[in-house]
Protein backbone atom coordinates (compact mmCIF):
# COMPACT_ATOMS: atom_id res chain seq x y z
CA MET A 1 -83.10 -203.91 -132.97
CA THR A 2 -80.43 -206.74 -131.56
CA THR A 3 -78.68 -206.02 -128.46
CA GLN A 4 -74.94 -206.47 -127.74
CA ASN A 5 -75.74 -209.78 -125.72
CA ASN A 6 -77.85 -211.10 -128.59
CA LYS A 7 -74.95 -210.51 -131.02
CA THR A 8 -72.33 -212.47 -128.77
CA ASP A 9 -74.59 -215.21 -128.19
CA HIS A 10 -75.21 -214.97 -132.10
CA LEU A 11 -71.41 -215.44 -132.51
CA LYS A 12 -71.05 -218.20 -130.05
CA LEU A 13 -73.70 -220.43 -131.49
CA LEU A 14 -72.34 -219.33 -135.36
CA LYS A 15 -68.87 -221.00 -134.12
CA ASN A 16 -70.33 -223.84 -132.46
CA THR A 17 -72.37 -224.83 -135.50
CA ALA A 18 -69.31 -224.29 -137.91
CA ARG A 19 -67.51 -226.56 -135.72
CA VAL A 20 -70.19 -229.25 -135.81
CA PHE A 21 -70.62 -228.90 -139.73
CA LEU A 22 -66.79 -229.14 -140.16
CA ARG A 23 -66.44 -232.13 -137.96
CA TYR A 24 -69.24 -234.18 -139.04
CA GLY A 25 -69.96 -232.48 -142.62
CA THR A 26 -68.66 -235.79 -144.45
CA ALA A 27 -70.93 -237.86 -142.12
CA LEU A 28 -74.02 -235.78 -142.80
CA ALA A 29 -73.23 -236.37 -146.76
CA VAL A 30 -73.18 -240.01 -146.19
CA SER A 31 -76.32 -240.45 -144.32
CA GLY A 32 -78.03 -238.82 -147.11
CA LEU A 33 -76.66 -241.44 -149.33
CA LEU A 34 -77.50 -244.01 -146.81
CA PHE A 35 -81.27 -243.06 -146.49
CA ALA A 36 -81.29 -242.66 -150.17
CA GLY A 37 -80.19 -246.07 -150.83
CA THR A 38 -81.82 -247.90 -148.57
CA ALA A 39 -85.25 -246.89 -150.08
CA THR A 40 -84.40 -248.51 -153.59
CA ALA A 41 -82.41 -251.24 -152.33
CA GLN A 42 -84.67 -253.33 -150.55
CA ASP A 43 -84.44 -256.86 -152.36
CA ARG A 44 -86.98 -258.67 -150.06
CA THR A 45 -89.86 -258.17 -147.74
CA ILE A 46 -90.44 -260.96 -145.66
CA THR A 47 -92.89 -261.55 -142.79
CA LEU A 48 -92.76 -263.01 -139.48
CA ASP A 49 -93.72 -266.75 -140.38
CA GLU A 50 -91.82 -266.64 -143.61
CA ALA A 51 -88.49 -265.83 -141.58
CA ILE A 52 -89.16 -268.73 -139.12
CA LYS A 53 -89.98 -271.40 -141.84
CA LEU A 54 -86.80 -270.21 -143.80
CA GLY A 55 -84.84 -270.34 -140.62
CA LEU A 56 -85.86 -273.60 -139.38
CA ASP A 57 -85.52 -275.27 -142.78
CA ASN A 58 -81.97 -273.86 -143.27
CA SER A 59 -80.58 -274.34 -139.67
CA LYS A 60 -77.38 -276.25 -139.76
CA VAL A 61 -77.86 -276.75 -135.75
CA LEU A 62 -81.27 -278.81 -136.37
CA LYS A 63 -79.55 -280.68 -138.91
CA LEU A 64 -76.42 -281.95 -136.34
CA SER A 65 -79.61 -282.30 -133.67
CA GLN A 66 -80.94 -284.83 -136.25
CA SER A 67 -77.99 -286.46 -136.81
CA LYS A 68 -77.69 -287.07 -133.21
CA ILE A 69 -81.11 -288.72 -132.98
CA ASP A 70 -80.18 -291.06 -135.90
CA GLN A 71 -77.11 -291.81 -133.66
CA ALA A 72 -79.64 -292.55 -130.67
CA VAL A 73 -81.69 -294.74 -132.73
CA SER A 74 -79.02 -296.66 -134.07
CA GLN A 75 -77.75 -297.22 -130.54
CA TYR A 76 -81.18 -298.64 -129.65
CA LYS A 77 -81.20 -301.01 -132.49
CA GLN A 78 -77.55 -302.19 -131.45
CA ALA A 79 -78.87 -302.88 -127.70
CA LYS A 80 -81.79 -304.73 -129.46
CA ASP A 81 -79.52 -306.79 -131.92
CA ALA A 82 -77.43 -307.84 -128.73
CA ALA A 83 -80.19 -310.38 -127.79
CA LEU A 84 -80.36 -312.08 -130.99
CA PRO A 85 -78.32 -315.47 -131.55
CA THR A 86 -75.00 -315.38 -132.37
CA GLY A 87 -73.48 -317.86 -134.97
CA LYS A 88 -70.07 -318.70 -136.28
CA VAL A 89 -68.60 -321.03 -139.03
CA SER A 90 -65.37 -321.99 -139.59
CA TYR A 91 -63.30 -324.56 -141.79
CA GLY A 92 -59.85 -325.38 -141.92
CA TYR A 93 -56.81 -327.42 -143.29
CA ASN A 94 -54.08 -328.98 -141.10
CA HIS A 95 -50.87 -330.59 -142.11
CA ALA A 96 -48.56 -332.46 -139.46
CA GLU A 97 -45.04 -334.06 -139.82
CA ILE A 98 -44.42 -336.54 -137.43
CA PRO A 99 -40.92 -337.72 -137.32
CA ALA A 100 -40.82 -339.69 -133.87
CA ASN A 101 -44.17 -341.85 -134.81
CA LYS A 102 -43.73 -345.10 -132.87
CA LEU A 103 -45.26 -345.40 -129.41
CA SER A 104 -44.00 -348.60 -127.09
CA LEU A 105 -46.43 -349.20 -124.31
CA GLY A 106 -45.76 -352.37 -122.51
CA GLU A 107 -46.59 -355.13 -124.44
CA SER A 108 -48.48 -352.68 -127.11
CA ASN A 109 -46.59 -350.83 -129.88
CA PHE A 110 -48.13 -348.19 -132.12
CA ASN A 111 -46.83 -347.09 -135.25
CA LEU A 112 -48.22 -343.70 -136.47
CA PRO A 113 -47.90 -342.35 -139.96
CA ASP A 114 -45.11 -340.01 -141.26
CA ARG A 115 -47.46 -337.42 -141.80
CA ALA A 116 -51.17 -336.54 -141.65
CA ASN A 117 -53.89 -334.23 -143.06
CA ALA A 118 -56.92 -332.87 -141.59
CA TYR A 119 -60.03 -331.00 -142.31
CA LEU A 120 -61.70 -329.34 -139.84
CA GLY A 121 -65.21 -327.57 -140.16
CA ILE A 122 -67.53 -326.05 -137.17
CA LEU A 123 -70.59 -324.40 -137.19
CA SER A 124 -72.05 -323.09 -133.88
CA LEU A 125 -75.09 -321.14 -132.82
CA SER A 126 -75.50 -319.88 -129.11
CA GLN A 127 -78.75 -318.02 -127.23
CA VAL A 128 -78.93 -316.49 -124.07
CA ILE A 129 -82.23 -317.72 -122.50
CA TYR A 130 -82.19 -315.64 -119.47
CA ALA A 131 -79.22 -313.20 -118.18
CA GLY A 132 -80.99 -311.41 -115.13
CA GLY A 133 -82.71 -308.88 -117.73
CA LYS A 134 -79.60 -307.22 -118.68
CA TYR A 135 -80.66 -307.04 -122.53
CA LYS A 136 -84.16 -305.81 -121.64
CA TYR A 137 -82.74 -303.04 -119.46
CA ALA A 138 -80.22 -302.02 -121.91
CA GLN A 139 -83.03 -301.61 -124.72
CA GLN A 140 -85.13 -299.47 -122.47
CA SER A 141 -82.28 -297.40 -121.36
CA THR A 142 -81.19 -296.62 -125.10
CA GLU A 143 -84.94 -295.98 -126.05
CA LEU A 144 -85.29 -293.53 -123.11
CA LEU A 145 -82.16 -291.91 -124.46
CA THR A 146 -83.53 -291.81 -128.00
CA GLN A 147 -86.30 -289.73 -126.44
CA VAL A 148 -84.02 -287.33 -124.77
CA ALA A 149 -82.30 -286.95 -128.12
CA ARG A 150 -85.76 -285.74 -129.75
CA LEU A 151 -86.43 -283.35 -126.88
CA ASP A 152 -83.13 -281.93 -127.72
CA VAL A 153 -84.13 -281.22 -130.98
CA THR A 154 -87.30 -279.41 -129.73
CA ASN A 155 -85.03 -277.03 -127.42
CA ASP A 156 -82.83 -276.18 -130.24
CA LYS A 157 -85.88 -275.36 -132.55
CA ASP A 158 -87.16 -273.41 -129.79
CA GLN A 159 -84.02 -271.40 -129.56
CA ILE A 160 -83.69 -271.01 -133.27
CA THR A 161 -86.98 -269.74 -133.81
CA TYR A 162 -86.66 -266.97 -131.00
CA ASP A 163 -83.43 -266.09 -132.54
CA ILE A 164 -85.01 -265.17 -135.58
CA ILE A 165 -88.01 -263.47 -134.11
CA SER A 166 -85.41 -261.32 -131.69
CA SER A 167 -83.46 -260.56 -135.03
CA TYR A 168 -86.78 -259.62 -136.85
CA TYR A 169 -88.12 -257.37 -134.01
CA ASN A 170 -84.96 -255.71 -133.72
CA LEU A 171 -84.70 -254.98 -137.41
CA TYR A 172 -88.35 -253.53 -137.34
CA LYS A 173 -87.37 -251.45 -134.57
CA VAL A 174 -84.42 -249.86 -136.60
CA LEU A 175 -86.60 -249.51 -139.73
CA GLN A 176 -89.50 -247.69 -137.99
CA SER A 177 -86.76 -245.54 -136.10
CA LYS A 178 -85.62 -244.63 -139.70
CA LYS A 179 -88.86 -243.73 -141.02
CA VAL A 180 -89.22 -241.29 -138.20
CA VAL A 181 -85.85 -239.87 -138.67
CA VAL A 182 -86.55 -238.97 -142.28
CA GLN A 183 -90.09 -237.75 -141.48
CA ASN A 184 -88.43 -235.49 -138.68
CA LEU A 185 -85.68 -234.16 -141.25
CA SER A 186 -88.52 -233.29 -143.84
CA THR A 187 -90.44 -231.42 -140.82
CA ILE A 188 -87.11 -229.44 -139.83
CA ASP A 189 -86.25 -228.68 -143.52
CA ALA A 190 -89.61 -227.10 -143.62
CA GLN A 191 -88.79 -225.18 -140.55
CA ILE A 192 -85.27 -224.00 -141.88
CA LYS A 193 -87.01 -222.74 -145.04
CA GLN A 194 -89.58 -220.74 -142.85
CA SER A 195 -87.07 -219.49 -140.63
CA GLN A 196 -84.97 -218.20 -143.14
CA ARG A 197 -88.15 -216.26 -144.84
CA PHE A 198 -88.47 -214.91 -141.32
CA PHE A 199 -85.14 -213.93 -140.98
CA GLU A 200 -85.09 -212.27 -144.45
CA GLN A 201 -88.29 -210.27 -143.23
CA GLY A 202 -86.25 -209.46 -140.13
CA LEU A 203 -88.66 -211.17 -137.70
CA VAL A 204 -86.13 -213.90 -136.22
CA THR A 205 -82.28 -213.38 -135.86
CA LYS A 206 -80.03 -215.66 -137.65
CA ASN A 207 -79.49 -217.46 -134.13
CA ASP A 208 -83.10 -218.97 -134.94
CA VAL A 209 -81.93 -220.25 -138.26
CA LEU A 210 -78.93 -221.77 -136.84
CA ARG A 211 -80.73 -223.64 -134.04
CA PHE A 212 -82.95 -225.52 -136.59
CA GLN A 213 -79.96 -226.31 -138.52
CA LEU A 214 -77.93 -227.72 -135.84
CA GLN A 215 -81.19 -229.93 -134.65
CA ARG A 216 -81.24 -231.23 -138.43
CA SER A 217 -77.54 -232.35 -137.92
CA ASN A 218 -78.27 -233.96 -134.48
CA VAL A 219 -80.91 -235.80 -136.24
CA GLU A 220 -78.76 -236.97 -139.25
CA LEU A 221 -76.04 -238.33 -136.84
CA ASN A 222 -78.53 -240.48 -135.38
CA GLY A 223 -79.78 -241.51 -138.67
CA ILE A 224 -76.23 -243.08 -139.49
CA ASP A 225 -76.12 -244.77 -136.47
CA LEU A 226 -79.49 -246.38 -137.10
CA GLU A 227 -78.03 -247.18 -140.26
CA THR A 228 -75.15 -248.91 -138.93
CA ASN A 229 -77.07 -251.01 -136.72
CA ARG A 230 -79.51 -252.22 -139.65
CA ARG A 231 -76.74 -253.21 -141.62
CA ILE A 232 -75.42 -255.65 -138.69
CA ILE A 233 -79.05 -256.92 -137.90
CA ASN A 234 -79.70 -257.54 -141.53
CA TYR A 235 -76.59 -259.45 -141.97
CA ASN A 236 -77.17 -261.66 -139.17
CA LEU A 237 -80.46 -262.22 -139.75
CA ASN A 238 -79.69 -263.28 -143.57
CA VAL A 239 -77.23 -265.71 -142.27
CA LEU A 240 -80.14 -267.12 -139.50
CA LEU A 241 -82.54 -267.62 -142.59
CA GLY A 242 -79.83 -269.05 -144.99
CA LEU A 243 -80.46 -266.10 -147.36
CA PRO A 244 -77.54 -264.72 -149.50
CA GLU A 245 -75.80 -262.19 -147.51
CA GLY A 246 -76.23 -259.10 -149.52
CA THR A 247 -79.91 -259.45 -149.60
CA GLN A 248 -81.57 -256.29 -148.11
CA LEU A 249 -84.77 -257.24 -145.93
CA ASN A 250 -87.40 -254.98 -145.34
CA ILE A 251 -90.67 -255.34 -142.97
CA ASN A 252 -93.69 -253.34 -143.96
CA GLN A 253 -95.48 -253.54 -140.46
CA ILE A 254 -95.73 -256.01 -138.07
CA VAL A 255 -99.49 -256.70 -137.23
CA GLU A 256 -99.99 -257.49 -133.62
CA ALA A 257 -103.17 -258.98 -132.40
CA ASP A 258 -104.90 -258.38 -129.28
CA ARG A 259 -103.55 -260.91 -127.19
CA PRO A 260 -105.50 -261.62 -124.05
CA VAL A 261 -103.38 -261.30 -120.75
CA ALA A 262 -103.39 -264.82 -118.70
CA SER A 263 -102.50 -264.83 -115.17
CA LEU A 264 -99.05 -265.77 -114.15
CA SER A 265 -100.46 -269.13 -112.86
CA ASN A 266 -101.36 -270.28 -116.02
CA TYR A 267 -98.35 -269.65 -117.77
CA LEU A 268 -96.46 -271.07 -115.07
CA ASP A 269 -98.89 -274.43 -115.46
CA THR A 270 -98.04 -274.30 -119.56
CA ALA A 271 -94.37 -274.29 -118.40
CA TYR A 272 -94.66 -277.23 -116.24
CA ALA A 273 -96.55 -279.12 -118.98
CA SER A 274 -94.65 -277.97 -122.14
CA ARG A 275 -90.85 -277.28 -121.41
CA ALA A 276 -88.42 -280.01 -122.82
CA GLU A 277 -86.30 -279.76 -120.17
CA LEU A 278 -88.56 -281.22 -117.51
CA GLN A 279 -89.84 -283.97 -119.80
CA GLN A 280 -85.92 -284.63 -120.45
CA ALA A 281 -85.50 -284.82 -116.73
CA ASP A 282 -87.93 -287.33 -116.35
CA LEU A 283 -86.65 -289.42 -118.83
CA ARG A 284 -83.35 -289.12 -117.14
CA THR A 285 -84.81 -290.20 -114.03
CA LYS A 286 -86.24 -293.42 -115.75
CA VAL A 287 -82.73 -293.92 -117.42
CA ALA A 288 -80.95 -294.06 -114.11
CA GLU A 289 -83.77 -296.18 -112.50
CA THR A 290 -83.26 -298.90 -115.38
CA SER A 291 -79.32 -298.52 -114.96
CA ILE A 292 -79.77 -299.56 -111.38
CA LYS A 293 -82.08 -302.64 -112.25
CA ASN A 294 -79.10 -303.37 -114.87
CA ILE A 295 -76.23 -303.60 -112.13
CA LYS A 296 -78.65 -305.64 -110.19
CA ALA A 297 -78.74 -308.21 -113.08
CA ASN A 298 -75.14 -308.68 -112.47
CA THR A 299 -75.62 -310.94 -109.48
CA LEU A 300 -78.08 -313.27 -111.25
CA PRO A 301 -77.19 -316.50 -112.90
CA THR A 302 -77.14 -316.92 -116.91
CA LEU A 303 -78.60 -319.59 -118.40
CA ALA A 304 -77.61 -319.93 -122.39
CA ALA A 305 -78.46 -322.72 -125.20
CA SER A 306 -75.74 -323.69 -127.68
CA GLY A 307 -75.52 -325.79 -130.71
CA SER A 308 -72.74 -326.85 -132.63
CA ALA A 309 -71.94 -329.07 -135.74
CA TYR A 310 -68.19 -330.39 -136.75
CA TYR A 311 -66.80 -331.93 -139.89
CA VAL A 312 -63.59 -334.01 -139.46
CA ASP A 313 -61.83 -335.22 -142.32
CA LEU A 314 -58.42 -336.95 -142.27
CA ASN A 315 -58.20 -337.56 -145.93
CA ALA A 316 -55.77 -335.43 -148.15
CA ASN A 317 -58.27 -335.11 -150.50
CA PRO A 318 -60.29 -331.81 -149.77
CA LEU A 319 -63.44 -333.11 -151.17
CA PRO A 320 -65.37 -335.48 -148.74
CA LYS A 321 -65.75 -339.36 -149.50
CA SER A 322 -68.07 -341.53 -147.85
CA GLY A 323 -66.69 -343.30 -145.10
CA GLN A 324 -63.57 -341.10 -144.50
CA TYR A 325 -65.17 -338.42 -142.45
CA ILE A 326 -67.28 -337.73 -139.26
CA THR A 327 -69.76 -335.14 -138.53
CA PRO A 328 -70.34 -335.03 -134.63
CA LEU A 329 -73.35 -332.91 -133.69
CA THR A 330 -73.64 -331.28 -130.05
CA VAL A 331 -76.33 -329.39 -128.15
CA GLY A 332 -75.83 -327.99 -124.58
CA LEU A 333 -77.29 -325.97 -122.31
CA THR A 334 -75.00 -323.74 -120.08
CA LEU A 335 -75.92 -322.30 -116.46
CA SER A 336 -73.23 -319.92 -114.98
CA TRP A 337 -73.31 -317.47 -112.24
CA ASN A 338 -70.53 -315.22 -110.99
CA PHE A 339 -71.62 -315.08 -107.42
CA GLY A 340 -68.93 -312.84 -106.61
CA ASN A 341 -70.59 -310.04 -107.80
CA ILE A 342 -73.03 -310.57 -105.01
CA TRP A 343 -70.31 -308.52 -102.78
CA THR A 344 -68.61 -306.60 -105.51
CA ASN A 345 -71.77 -305.26 -106.59
CA LYS A 346 -73.48 -303.44 -103.93
CA ASN A 347 -71.36 -300.06 -104.20
CA LYS A 348 -72.03 -300.13 -107.89
CA VAL A 349 -75.81 -299.94 -107.07
CA THR A 350 -75.08 -297.35 -104.41
CA GLY A 351 -73.39 -295.13 -107.00
CA ALA A 352 -76.33 -295.69 -109.46
CA ARG A 353 -78.52 -294.43 -106.75
CA ILE A 354 -76.61 -291.45 -106.20
CA GLU A 355 -76.83 -290.56 -109.77
CA ARG A 356 -80.47 -290.73 -109.65
CA GLU A 357 -80.86 -288.87 -107.03
CA GLN A 358 -78.62 -286.20 -108.52
CA VAL A 359 -81.16 -286.07 -111.59
CA VAL A 360 -84.02 -285.54 -109.02
CA ILE A 361 -81.98 -282.73 -107.78
CA ASN A 362 -81.44 -281.43 -110.94
CA LYS A 363 -84.86 -281.22 -112.04
CA SER A 364 -85.92 -279.35 -108.76
CA ILE A 365 -83.43 -276.74 -109.91
CA THR A 366 -84.67 -276.64 -113.45
CA VAL A 367 -88.43 -276.06 -111.89
CA ASP A 368 -87.08 -273.11 -110.05
CA ARG A 369 -85.28 -271.59 -112.85
CA ILE A 370 -88.19 -271.98 -114.87
CA LYS A 371 -90.61 -270.48 -112.66
CA ASP A 372 -87.92 -267.29 -112.20
CA GLU A 373 -87.79 -266.99 -116.23
CA VAL A 374 -91.36 -267.29 -116.89
CA ASN A 375 -92.47 -264.72 -113.76
CA GLN A 376 -89.44 -262.02 -115.35
CA ASN A 377 -90.73 -262.37 -118.78
CA TYR A 378 -94.30 -262.24 -117.78
CA GLN A 379 -93.75 -258.88 -115.67
CA ASN A 380 -91.75 -257.67 -118.60
CA TRP A 381 -94.32 -258.05 -121.06
CA THR A 382 -97.28 -256.66 -119.14
CA MET A 383 -95.02 -253.58 -118.42
CA ASP A 384 -94.50 -253.15 -121.85
CA LEU A 385 -98.19 -253.18 -122.84
CA GLU A 386 -98.48 -250.29 -119.91
CA LYS A 387 -95.64 -248.56 -121.52
CA ILE A 388 -97.76 -248.62 -124.71
CA LYS A 389 -100.69 -246.86 -123.19
CA LEU A 390 -98.74 -244.32 -121.45
CA LEU A 391 -96.69 -243.36 -124.65
CA GLN A 392 -99.83 -243.20 -126.64
CA THR A 393 -101.09 -240.76 -124.17
CA SER A 394 -97.63 -238.65 -124.15
CA ILE A 395 -98.06 -238.71 -128.10
CA GLU A 396 -101.26 -236.97 -128.20
CA GLN A 397 -99.89 -234.47 -125.34
CA ALA A 398 -96.63 -233.74 -127.13
CA GLY A 399 -98.53 -233.56 -130.59
CA GLU A 400 -100.89 -230.82 -128.99
CA ASN A 401 -98.07 -229.07 -127.14
CA ASN A 402 -96.28 -228.98 -130.97
CA LYS A 403 -99.15 -227.37 -132.25
CA ILE A 404 -99.47 -224.81 -129.68
CA LEU A 405 -95.62 -223.73 -130.19
CA GLU A 406 -95.77 -223.75 -133.77
CA SER A 407 -98.74 -221.24 -133.61
CA LYS A 408 -96.93 -219.03 -131.36
CA TYR A 409 -93.65 -219.39 -132.98
CA LYS A 410 -95.35 -218.25 -136.33
CA SER A 411 -97.24 -215.39 -134.35
CA ASN A 412 -93.27 -214.23 -133.11
CA ILE A 413 -94.58 -215.28 -129.43
CA ALA A 414 -92.39 -218.47 -128.81
CA SER A 415 -88.82 -218.45 -129.13
CA ALA A 416 -86.84 -220.72 -131.69
CA THR A 417 -85.87 -222.93 -128.84
CA ASP A 418 -89.10 -223.47 -127.34
CA ARG A 419 -90.07 -224.50 -131.16
CA ALA A 420 -87.36 -226.97 -131.82
CA ASP A 421 -87.89 -228.55 -128.29
CA ALA A 422 -91.51 -229.06 -128.80
CA GLU A 423 -90.86 -230.68 -132.39
CA THR A 424 -88.04 -232.88 -130.45
CA LEU A 425 -90.56 -234.03 -127.88
CA LEU A 426 -92.99 -235.25 -130.42
CA TYR A 427 -89.85 -236.83 -132.07
CA GLN A 428 -89.10 -238.90 -129.23
CA ALA A 429 -92.39 -239.47 -128.17
CA GLN A 430 -93.19 -240.94 -131.77
CA ILE A 431 -89.72 -243.37 -131.62
CA ASN A 432 -90.50 -244.43 -127.96
CA LEU A 433 -93.83 -245.72 -129.10
CA GLU A 434 -92.69 -247.71 -132.20
CA LEU A 435 -89.99 -249.29 -130.05
CA ALA A 436 -92.57 -250.04 -127.19
CA LYS A 437 -94.72 -251.91 -129.53
CA ALA A 438 -91.53 -253.78 -131.08
CA ASP A 439 -90.63 -254.47 -127.42
CA ALA A 440 -93.77 -255.76 -126.27
CA GLY A 441 -94.15 -257.99 -128.97
CA LEU A 442 -90.73 -259.36 -128.50
CA ALA A 443 -91.64 -259.62 -124.85
CA TYR A 444 -94.61 -261.85 -125.72
CA TYR A 445 -92.45 -264.30 -127.66
CA THR A 446 -89.84 -264.46 -124.89
CA LEU A 447 -92.64 -265.16 -122.48
CA LEU A 448 -93.72 -268.09 -125.00
CA LYS A 449 -90.29 -269.53 -125.32
CA SER A 450 -90.33 -269.86 -121.20
CA THR A 451 -93.34 -271.67 -121.48
CA GLY A 452 -92.09 -274.01 -124.00
CA ARG A 453 -94.86 -272.69 -126.70
CA ILE A 454 -93.16 -270.54 -128.94
CA ASN A 455 -93.58 -273.09 -131.82
CA ASN A 456 -97.01 -273.86 -131.11
CA LYS A 457 -98.25 -270.41 -130.47
């Protein structure tokens, strides 16, 4: 027989449940459509390796980075061209009118023509033989900067790969959580039917039935949040991979191989040897040293060779005639020295040395940042592996607890609240394990990225 307190509790719970259904009734209907739709609307099942290849092949960022390499190579070639001989050719015509054409120089008088024509052609070649090594240093500097640009591509490639992996694992986490939600809804539906049957037999109160129904509503609300997250992640991943925006991606299972856990020092050594930023810092140090040499070269003399050929024709006829034109040829060496640079160049050298020291200091800062990054990612990964072990144990415990309370509930020993709590614990343990596995996988790739080996795993 039901007591007055039970009746009061029953009425309160009925009102609360009715309020929940009125508030979220539409949302629950939508949730059912979402679960049904995603089961049939998957357009493509994709593996992680396929996703990475698609993303790298279609990346606009990598295409831009490649154009920067092409630009650096072009600048290097221009620096090499600066050491080649220079040449110039010109041909011109001049006409002169001479109104005052008489000159008296003592006893000598000169009469010039009233007008004159002249054709002048010049061909000249010049080659710098020695310029203190400035051309050589310019070539070295641009070659080093080309290598820096190539390492920029490596950095961009690593970041794009990591973004793809991160989105891929996040999508997997959502899809796995949705599977658990669907499975849990099925279990709750079975419990609702059973509790209704027990209610009709007078074994439980209506209050017990409503508790299961309320539990189902909460699970469905969680499913709506998961579907929203899935759509956002799916869209972003489509953009990363260059796929049509409406493509719905699916991941059957992420196969995580057993990965041996090396010591932290091993991962740090790998980072020191592989991180592109450290290689770039070394190259920039060489660029700074080359710049110092190039500035010092300003104080040295320059030696250049030149040759010129002239064609001078005073005939009005543009076609040359024998005996009416001359062709002087000249060859020369020019040694020049701007010795004023000896006292004006020293501050430029000092400035270049300061820049080199800044590069060295920046490398030291980068090393410290990489050490912190690798250590943090290493600790996160090992922690996630420990979580997996604990969660596997918790699932076994939650499963056993659920079986016991299911048996007690059927025997009318345990309350509906205890039965619902046991199912919730098992449901939460299942979700937590799937999320922990995905977190551990992503943490491993995060560690790989910090060691500079994410694309060489």
